[in-house]
Amino acid sequence: MSRFRTLNLLRNIGTCPTRRYLSTSSQPDLHSIHDIYSTRGTTNYEEAITQLEHALQCGYVASKETNGDPRMVVAAMLHDIGHLVVDECIGSSHYLKEDMVHEEAGARWLSKYFGKGITEPVRLHVMAKRYLARDPTYWSSLSDVSKATLDLQGGPYSDEEAQAFMKLPFAEDAVRLRTWDEKAKVSGLKTPDLGYFIENYLEKAAKLVPPTNTLV
């Protein structure tokens, strides 16, 4: 299934095209975020680290580089939650073969809890990768897995596409998020645990950037 066909399905019917998609109909409860990482976060993000480790590292890096801005810490920490929403991981048969548009699935799932100040950087982070990948230095810094997924996601943007992307609301936030993403793939890096981020950042962000009761 092409990326554009998958994206249209997400927009038209509000679900990801897989029977493992988690329902968005439940009452908002931040414990659901804890639960999804507890049950699916041990799957590999890349060979060296798990999805949970990557999320915690992203949140940790963002907390250092934004002086603890709850909005950006949460967007960074949860930007790849769509991989868990569609139950996509490096060990699955379709991984690196089919683009499940995890950024759209994740943003829609998170829209139960947060407003666009968080969900839009999440939704745009793959576009930000395509924007940054125009720079050969950035492209060469990507892991082999990230280069492979970049190809699935459409490759680097043209100059025209890049200009259009940067005009989008929250595009700059998505670019910042994506730079932190590349720093959050370190095997064995010590970070605060999931409970710490929920207590110190997610609860604050949910109040600062509340959901609008509309899907992304």
Protein backbone atom coordinates (compact mmCIF):
# COMPACT_ATOMS: atom_id res chain seq x y z
CA MET A 1 0.00 0.00 0.00
CA SER A 2 1.45 3.39 -0.99
CA ARG A 3 2.15 6.09 1.60
CA PHE A 4 -0.45 8.38 0.01
CA ARG A 5 -3.15 5.71 -0.03
CA THR A 6 -2.42 4.86 3.61
CA LEU A 7 -2.50 8.55 4.53
CA ASN A 8 -5.85 9.01 2.81
CA LEU A 9 -7.28 6.06 4.71
CA LEU A 10 -6.17 7.59 7.98
CA ARG A 11 -7.76 10.91 7.13
CA ASN A 12 -10.98 9.49 5.72
CA ILE A 13 -11.91 6.83 8.25
CA GLY A 14 -9.92 7.93 11.29
CA THR A 15 -8.13 4.64 11.81
CA CYS A 16 -4.89 3.05 10.81
CA PRO A 17 -5.22 0.28 8.22
CA THR A 18 -4.36 -2.56 10.54
CA ARG A 19 -6.49 -4.62 12.87
CA ARG A 20 -4.03 -3.92 15.69
CA TYR A 21 -4.79 -0.21 15.81
CA LEU A 22 -5.67 0.92 19.32
CA SER A 23 -9.10 2.51 19.72
CA THR A 24 -9.42 6.29 20.11
CA SER A 25 -12.87 6.01 21.64
CA SER A 26 -11.83 5.57 25.27
CA GLN A 27 -12.05 8.38 27.83
CA PRO A 28 -8.77 10.35 27.93
CA ASP A 29 -6.54 8.91 30.64
CA LEU A 30 -2.79 9.45 30.80
CA HIS A 31 -2.45 5.96 32.23
CA SER A 32 -3.12 4.69 28.70
CA ILE A 33 0.20 6.22 27.65
CA HIS A 34 1.93 4.39 30.48
CA ASP A 35 0.16 1.18 29.49
CA ILE A 36 1.08 1.27 25.81
CA TYR A 37 4.76 1.76 26.62
CA SER A 38 4.60 -0.92 29.31
CA THR A 39 3.07 -3.47 26.95
CA ARG A 40 4.68 -2.58 23.62
CA GLY A 41 7.65 -0.40 24.50
CA THR A 42 10.05 -3.33 24.82
CA THR A 43 9.95 -3.91 21.06
CA ASN A 44 13.03 -2.70 19.23
CA TYR A 45 13.22 0.83 17.88
CA GLU A 46 16.50 -0.05 16.23
CA GLU A 47 18.85 -2.90 16.94
CA ALA A 48 20.54 -1.11 19.86
CA ILE A 49 17.55 0.25 21.79
CA THR A 50 13.87 -0.33 22.48
CA GLN A 51 10.94 1.95 21.68
CA LEU A 52 10.67 2.91 25.36
CA GLU A 53 14.39 3.69 25.64
CA HIS A 54 14.18 5.86 22.52
CA ALA A 55 11.16 7.74 23.89
CA LEU A 56 12.82 8.39 27.26
CA GLN A 57 16.04 9.50 25.60
CA CYS A 58 14.15 11.90 23.32
CA GLY A 59 12.32 13.37 26.29
CA TYR A 60 15.55 13.65 28.23
CA VAL A 61 17.39 15.42 25.41
CA ALA A 62 14.46 17.81 24.90
CA SER A 63 14.31 18.60 28.61
CA LYS A 64 17.97 19.65 28.53
CA GLU A 65 17.71 21.69 25.35
CA THR A 66 14.46 23.52 26.18
CA ASN A 67 15.02 24.12 29.89
CA GLY A 68 12.22 21.68 30.67
CA ASP A 69 9.47 23.05 28.39
CA PRO A 70 6.64 20.54 29.03
CA ARG A 71 5.13 20.97 25.57
CA MET A 72 8.29 20.14 23.66
CA VAL A 73 9.48 17.49 26.12
CA VAL A 74 6.20 15.60 25.69
CA ALA A 75 6.15 16.04 21.90
CA ALA A 76 9.70 14.71 21.74
CA MET A 77 9.07 11.81 24.08
CA LEU A 78 5.89 10.69 22.34
CA HIS A 79 6.72 11.48 18.72
CA ASP A 80 7.13 7.81 17.77
CA ILE A 81 4.19 6.45 19.78
CA GLY A 82 2.49 5.73 16.46
CA HIS A 83 4.84 2.77 16.02
CA LEU A 84 3.23 1.28 19.12
CA VAL A 85 -0.28 2.33 18.12
CA VAL A 86 -0.02 0.31 14.89
CA ASP A 87 2.10 -2.34 16.64
CA GLU A 88 4.96 -1.77 14.20
CA CYS A 89 8.45 -2.78 15.25
CA ILE A 90 11.74 -3.79 13.77
CA GLY A 91 10.98 -7.47 14.34
CA SER A 92 7.68 -7.47 12.44
CA SER A 93 7.42 -8.85 8.93
CA HIS A 94 6.28 -5.58 7.33
CA TYR A 95 8.81 -3.30 9.00
CA LEU A 96 10.99 -1.53 6.40
CA LYS A 97 8.70 -2.92 3.68
CA GLU A 98 5.55 -0.88 4.21
CA ASP A 99 5.14 2.65 5.51
CA MET A 100 2.39 2.54 8.15
CA VAL A 101 2.40 6.37 8.47
CA HIS A 102 3.13 6.10 12.18
CA GLU A 103 3.34 9.88 12.59
CA GLU A 104 -0.31 10.31 11.54
CA ALA A 105 -1.49 7.40 13.67
CA GLY A 106 0.41 8.71 16.68
CA ALA A 107 -0.83 12.28 16.33
CA ARG A 108 -4.44 11.13 16.05
CA TRP A 109 -4.11 8.86 19.08
CA LEU A 110 -2.50 11.62 21.12
CA SER A 111 -5.23 14.10 20.18
CA LYS A 112 -7.30 12.53 22.99
CA TYR A 113 -4.86 14.00 25.49
CA PHE A 114 -3.19 17.06 23.96
CA GLY A 115 -3.81 19.95 21.59
CA LYS A 116 -2.02 20.77 18.36
CA GLY A 117 0.95 22.36 20.12
CA ILE A 118 1.98 18.76 20.83
CA THR A 119 0.22 16.68 18.19
CA GLU A 120 1.36 18.77 15.23
CA PRO A 121 5.12 18.45 15.88
CA VAL A 122 4.46 14.71 16.23
CA ARG A 123 2.51 14.61 12.96
CA LEU A 124 5.16 16.64 11.13
CA HIS A 125 8.31 14.92 12.37
CA VAL A 126 8.66 12.68 9.31
CA MET A 127 8.24 15.71 7.06
CA ALA A 128 10.96 17.37 9.13
CA LYS A 129 13.22 14.41 8.49
CA ARG A 130 12.63 14.76 4.74
CA TYR A 131 13.35 18.49 5.04
CA LEU A 132 16.61 17.97 6.94
CA ALA A 133 17.72 15.11 4.69
CA ARG A 134 18.35 17.60 1.89
CA ASP A 135 21.61 18.29 3.72
CA PRO A 136 24.15 15.56 2.84
CA THR A 137 25.76 15.90 6.28
CA TYR A 138 22.45 15.24 8.00
CA TRP A 139 21.66 12.34 5.66
CA SER A 140 25.04 10.72 6.34
CA SER A 141 24.40 10.99 10.09
CA LEU A 142 21.27 8.83 9.86
CA SER A 143 21.39 5.19 10.89
CA ASP A 144 20.94 2.51 8.25
CA VAL A 145 17.40 1.87 9.49
CA SER A 146 16.57 5.57 9.37
CA LYS A 147 17.91 5.83 5.82
CA ALA A 148 15.80 2.86 4.78
CA THR A 149 12.63 4.33 6.29
CA LEU A 150 13.44 7.68 4.66
CA ASP A 151 13.24 5.98 1.28
CA LEU A 152 9.85 4.51 2.20
CA GLN A 153 8.67 7.92 3.38
CA GLY A 154 9.43 9.58 0.04
CA GLY A 155 13.08 10.62 0.37
CA PRO A 156 14.49 14.12 0.82
CA TYR A 157 12.29 17.05 -0.13
CA SER A 158 12.82 19.15 -3.21
CA ASP A 159 13.53 22.84 -2.63
CA GLU A 160 9.89 23.65 -3.42
CA GLU A 161 8.61 21.01 -1.00
CA ALA A 162 10.99 22.23 1.69
CA GLN A 163 9.76 25.81 1.35
CA ALA A 164 6.14 24.69 1.55
CA PHE A 165 6.86 22.57 4.63
CA MET A 166 8.50 25.40 6.55
CA LYS A 167 5.38 27.54 6.09
CA LEU A 168 3.30 25.06 8.08
CA PRO A 169 2.40 25.87 11.69
CA PHE A 170 4.73 24.03 14.09
CA ALA A 171 7.20 23.11 11.32
CA GLU A 172 10.09 24.69 13.24
CA ASP A 173 9.13 22.70 16.33
CA ALA A 174 9.10 19.52 14.25
CA VAL A 175 12.59 20.27 12.93
CA ARG A 176 13.87 20.80 16.47
CA LEU A 177 12.21 17.56 17.53
CA ARG A 178 13.82 15.68 14.67
CA THR A 179 17.31 16.87 15.63
CA TRP A 180 16.75 15.53 19.14
CA ASP A 181 15.50 12.28 17.63
CA GLU A 182 18.95 11.60 16.16
CA LYS A 183 20.58 12.09 19.58
CA ALA A 184 18.29 9.55 21.24
CA LYS A 185 19.61 6.26 19.93
CA VAL A 186 22.33 5.55 22.47
CA SER A 187 22.60 2.05 23.88
CA GLY A 188 22.75 2.01 27.67
CA LEU A 189 22.11 5.74 28.20
CA LYS A 190 20.68 6.39 31.66
CA THR A 191 17.54 8.53 31.78
CA PRO A 192 14.68 9.17 34.21
CA ASP A 193 12.01 6.49 34.01
CA LEU A 194 8.55 6.63 32.42
CA GLY A 195 6.83 7.49 35.70
CA TYR A 196 9.06 10.51 36.14
CA PHE A 197 8.12 11.93 32.74
CA ILE A 198 4.42 11.30 33.28
CA GLU A 199 4.44 13.03 36.67
CA ASN A 200 6.71 15.94 35.77
CA TYR A 201 5.85 16.62 32.15
CA LEU A 202 2.81 14.80 30.74
CA GLU A 203 0.41 15.97 33.43
CA LYS A 204 1.61 19.56 33.05
CA ALA A 205 1.45 19.43 29.26
CA ALA A 206 -2.10 18.06 29.31
CA LYS A 207 -3.14 21.19 31.24
CA LEU A 208 -1.06 23.64 29.21
CA VAL A 209 -2.02 22.20 25.80
CA PRO A 210 -5.44 20.58 26.29
CA PRO A 211 -7.15 18.57 23.53
CA THR A 212 -9.56 20.35 21.22
CA ASN A 213 -11.86 17.32 20.89
CA THR A 214 -11.11 17.15 17.18
CA LEU A 215 -8.89 14.68 15.39
CA VAL A 216 -5.70 15.96 13.80
